[in-house]
Each structure stands twice: as structure tokens, then as C-alpha cells.
Amino acid sequence: MKKFAFSLLFVAIALAGFTSSAFAGTTVSSTGPYNGIFIGTVEGDRNSTTEIELNLTQVKNEVKGELVLGEGLYIDGGRCWRGSLPSGSFTAIGSTLPASPNNVEASASFQAGSVTIKGYLAGEISTDGKLITSEVKIDLPWFCGRDPVLLVTAEKES
């Protein structure tokens, strides 16, 4: 049960970070660069990667998105959990940052029993609105031994 809870927790944190990374816009106009499909990869532990697809729509500073995560992303949570995340499709709503519209910072907290797990995201979009890069840090309790980091890169389809 403990392994199952942590695996679900990792999925939730990772997906919150991935979708939030897509919310860093370059403008705060009625529509922004986050209208369209972005295709890329997510890098996990042990040089694992999987494909990611972000289908995004932006109105003013609000961005809505659907994330499709492929199979094979390995996460090493130290003594707490190790394994591959399941593939799946997820939705999220976020917003761009008015003071620095090319960058985004986001966080999410989740409960695993009596332990609070936090995920922190720092993301950026290129000035031409075609490339999204972000880093998701999963802050696990000290007894786990390490905090996994996921790297996301996605390019806008033509």
C-alpha cells in the first residue's frame, strides 16, 4: 500500500508540474502563445525519458491544457519509492506570471498518509513561443534520502 500511495503521489506531483510548466506565456493579450499542441519529452532518473503532448489554449493570462504522458519514465524516490510512472491523460488550468511572462513558478502539495509532499516547478517559454522548458523538483521527506528532479522540453507543432 505504501508503494502504491507514493506512486500515485509521484504521478500527481509530476503532472501538476508538467502542466504548470506550460503556463508561462509571453504576453497577457486576449490570446497568447499557448494555443496549440506542444510535443516533447520528460527526463527522469536513470536516463529514462518518455514522450509528452500538451494541448493548450490561452485566453488572457489563463491557460487550459491537456497533458498526455507516455510510458517509461522512471522515478527514484530513495527509500520511499522507485519505479516507472504509468502513462495517462490529465487536464489542468494555470496562469502566466504578469511580472515575468516568459517564466513561471508553481508548487503543489499532496498528502501521503500523514506526510506532506511538495513539488516545485520553474519553467520558461522561448521568446518566439515555440519551446517550453521546465524543471520539476519533488521535495520528499528527509527519510526518503533524495528529491527527484524531472526535466520537461516541448516544442510547438507547426
Protein backbone atom coordinates (compact mmCIF):
# COMPACT_ATOMS: atom_id res chain seq x y z
CA MET A 1 0.00 0.00 0.00
CA LYS A 2 2.85 2.40 0.82
CA LYS A 3 4.44 1.87 -2.62
CA PHE A 4 1.08 2.38 -4.31
CA ALA A 5 0.41 5.63 -2.39
CA PHE A 6 3.82 7.04 -3.28
CA SER A 7 3.49 6.04 -6.95
CA LEU A 8 0.19 7.89 -7.19
CA LEU A 9 1.72 10.80 -5.37
CA PHE A 10 4.62 10.99 -7.81
CA VAL A 11 2.21 10.97 -10.75
CA ALA A 12 0.14 13.76 -9.26
CA ILE A 13 3.13 15.97 -8.46
CA ALA A 14 4.82 15.33 -11.77
CA LEU A 15 1.71 16.11 -13.74
CA ALA A 16 0.98 19.23 -11.78
CA GLY A 17 4.47 20.41 -12.58
CA PHE A 18 4.33 19.46 -16.25
CA THR A 19 1.07 21.15 -16.93
CA SER A 20 2.05 24.20 -14.92
CA SER A 21 5.23 24.48 -16.96
CA ALA A 22 3.09 25.08 -19.99
CA PHE A 23 1.52 28.12 -18.40
CA ALA A 24 4.39 30.57 -18.79
CA GLY A 25 3.18 32.88 -21.55
CA THR A 26 4.94 35.66 -23.36
CA THR A 27 2.02 38.09 -23.38
CA VAL A 28 -1.10 38.92 -21.46
CA SER A 29 -3.22 39.67 -24.53
CA SER A 30 -6.59 38.13 -25.37
CA THR A 31 -4.80 35.13 -26.81
CA GLY A 32 -1.24 34.05 -26.24
CA PRO A 33 1.40 31.66 -27.50
CA TYR A 34 -0.18 28.77 -25.63
CA ASN A 35 -2.73 27.95 -28.26
CA GLY A 36 -1.79 24.74 -29.95
CA ILE A 37 -0.07 21.44 -29.45
CA PHE A 38 3.40 21.09 -27.91
CA ILE A 39 5.28 17.80 -28.30
CA GLY A 40 8.36 16.84 -26.34
CA THR A 41 9.99 14.69 -23.70
CA VAL A 42 10.23 14.33 -19.95
CA GLU A 43 13.50 13.12 -18.44
CA GLY A 44 13.50 11.20 -15.17
CA ASP A 45 16.03 9.15 -13.25
CA ARG A 46 18.38 6.54 -14.77
CA ASN A 47 18.35 8.44 -18.08
CA SER A 48 14.71 7.46 -18.59
CA THR A 49 12.58 9.54 -20.93
CA THR A 50 9.05 9.47 -22.19
CA GLU A 51 7.03 11.45 -24.67
CA ILE A 52 4.71 14.24 -23.63
CA GLU A 53 2.00 16.07 -25.54
CA LEU A 54 0.46 19.32 -24.30
CA ASN A 55 -2.73 20.55 -25.99
CA LEU A 56 -3.11 24.14 -24.78
CA THR A 57 -5.49 27.08 -25.10
CA GLN A 58 -4.80 30.53 -23.68
CA VAL A 59 -7.21 33.42 -23.06
CA LYS A 60 -5.58 36.48 -21.47
CA ASN A 61 -3.37 35.05 -18.71
CA GLU A 62 -5.38 31.85 -18.17
CA VAL A 63 -4.12 28.69 -19.84
CA LYS A 64 -6.05 25.44 -20.01
CA GLY A 65 -4.30 22.29 -21.04
CA GLU A 66 -4.45 18.57 -21.51
CA LEU A 67 -1.30 16.56 -20.90
CA VAL A 68 -0.66 13.13 -22.38
CA LEU A 69 2.27 11.34 -20.70
CA GLY A 70 3.86 8.31 -22.36
CA GLU A 71 5.24 5.19 -20.68
CA GLY A 72 8.69 4.51 -19.30
CA LEU A 73 9.51 7.47 -17.05
CA TYR A 74 11.47 6.11 -14.08
CA ILE A 75 11.46 7.94 -10.75
CA ASP A 76 13.81 7.20 -7.86
CA GLY A 77 12.39 8.41 -4.55
CA GLY A 78 15.16 6.85 -2.48
CA ARG A 79 13.89 4.65 0.33
CA CYS A 80 10.27 5.75 -0.28
CA TRP A 81 9.56 4.53 -3.81
CA ARG A 82 11.24 3.63 -7.12
CA GLY A 83 9.55 2.71 -10.36
CA SER A 84 8.06 3.75 -13.68
CA LEU A 85 5.16 6.17 -13.81
CA PRO A 86 2.07 4.99 -15.68
CA SER A 87 1.04 6.70 -18.91
CA GLY A 88 -2.15 8.70 -19.00
CA SER A 89 -4.05 11.84 -19.91
CA PHE A 90 -4.66 14.70 -17.48
CA THR A 91 -6.10 18.23 -17.55
CA ALA A 92 -5.12 21.42 -15.71
CA ILE A 93 -5.73 25.17 -15.56
CA GLY A 94 -2.99 27.69 -14.81
CA SER A 95 -1.90 31.24 -15.50
CA THR A 96 1.03 33.22 -16.78
CA LEU A 97 3.04 35.49 -14.50
CA PRO A 98 2.33 39.19 -15.20
CA ALA A 99 5.69 40.49 -13.89
CA SER A 100 7.77 37.97 -15.87
CA PRO A 101 5.58 36.49 -18.62
CA ASN A 102 8.29 34.18 -20.05
CA ASN A 103 8.79 32.43 -16.72
CA VAL A 104 6.60 30.50 -14.34
CA GLU A 105 6.97 29.16 -10.85
CA ALA A 106 4.42 26.78 -9.40
CA SER A 107 4.07 24.47 -6.43
CA ALA A 108 1.71 21.73 -5.38
CA SER A 109 1.31 19.83 -2.11
CA PHE A 110 -0.14 16.37 -1.60
CA GLN A 111 -0.75 14.18 1.43
CA ALA A 112 0.62 10.63 1.61
CA GLY A 113 -0.75 9.39 4.88
CA SER A 114 0.49 11.88 7.48
CA VAL A 115 3.35 13.16 5.27
CA THR A 116 3.04 16.28 3.09
CA ILE A 117 4.90 16.01 -0.22
CA LYS A 118 5.64 19.16 -2.23
CA GLY A 119 6.56 19.68 -5.85
CA TYR A 120 8.20 22.87 -7.15
CA LEU A 121 8.31 23.94 -10.77
CA ALA A 122 10.38 26.53 -12.61
CA GLY A 123 9.54 26.91 -16.29
CA GLU A 124 10.25 29.15 -19.26
CA ILE A 125 8.98 29.63 -22.79
CA SER A 126 11.17 30.92 -25.62
CA THR A 127 10.51 34.46 -26.83
CA ASP A 128 9.09 33.11 -30.10
CA GLY A 129 6.62 30.93 -28.16
CA LYS A 130 7.81 27.68 -29.73
CA LEU A 131 9.82 25.97 -26.95
CA ILE A 132 8.84 25.21 -23.36
CA THR A 133 11.45 24.05 -20.84
CA SER A 134 10.88 23.36 -17.16
CA GLU A 135 12.26 21.61 -14.13
CA VAL A 136 10.08 19.90 -11.53
CA LYS A 137 11.64 19.22 -8.13
CA ILE A 138 9.81 16.77 -5.89
CA ASP A 139 10.56 17.59 -2.25
CA LEU A 140 10.32 14.29 -0.36
CA PRO A 141 10.72 13.85 3.39
CA TRP A 142 14.32 13.61 4.61
CA PHE A 143 13.99 9.90 5.39
CA CYS A 144 13.50 9.13 1.68
CA GLY A 145 17.10 10.09 1.02
CA ARG A 146 16.71 12.13 -2.18
CA ASP A 147 14.48 14.55 -4.07
CA PRO A 148 13.77 13.55 -7.69
CA VAL A 149 14.04 16.17 -10.46
CA LEU A 150 12.15 15.91 -13.75
CA LEU A 151 13.10 17.90 -16.87
CA VAL A 152 10.50 18.82 -19.50
CA THR A 153 11.15 20.08 -23.03
CA ALA A 154 8.33 20.57 -25.55
CA GLU A 155 8.16 22.23 -28.99
CA LYS A 156 5.11 23.74 -30.64
CA GLU A 157 3.82 21.80 -33.64
CA SER A 158 3.79 23.74 -36.90
